[in-house]
Amino acid sequence: MADTSNVSLYATGVLGLCPRCNEGKIFSGPLELVEACPHCQLDLKSHDNGDGPAFFVITIVGFMVTALAAYVEFQYMPPFWLHAVLWIPFILIASIGLLRIFKGMLLASQYKHQLMGHDDSS
């Protein structure tokens, strides 16, 4: 049984570090997980978080954009094209950034609670 007491959800989510060793990077691209940690060889290809991170990101970004767009509309009454110029890039950047963080945090949570494959040889 692997010791998971030192797993940091925040280091894995925000910094993209391996939940086991906190040293290897778990992302090979903006949202793509590596197959295994380059430092401790933790198998990450068995990791499946499904739509969990997307649900949280849709909820958070949707609330933020709705509140901010309503504020801007009622305070300044800009033309509709300005809303598109403001909110489309905001939605894309916030969604990708938060999705990466939530994917990492869910991976760390699954590892900590032993819901993904463990290699006890380390």
Foldseek 3Di string as FASTA:
>chain_A
DDDQPPFDLQLCQQVQADRRPSPFHQAPDLAHGDQAGPPPRWGPVQDDPDCVQVVVLCVVLVVVLVVVVVCCCVVPVDDPVVSVVPNPVVSVVSSSSSSSNSSRSVSSVCVSVVVTDGDPPD
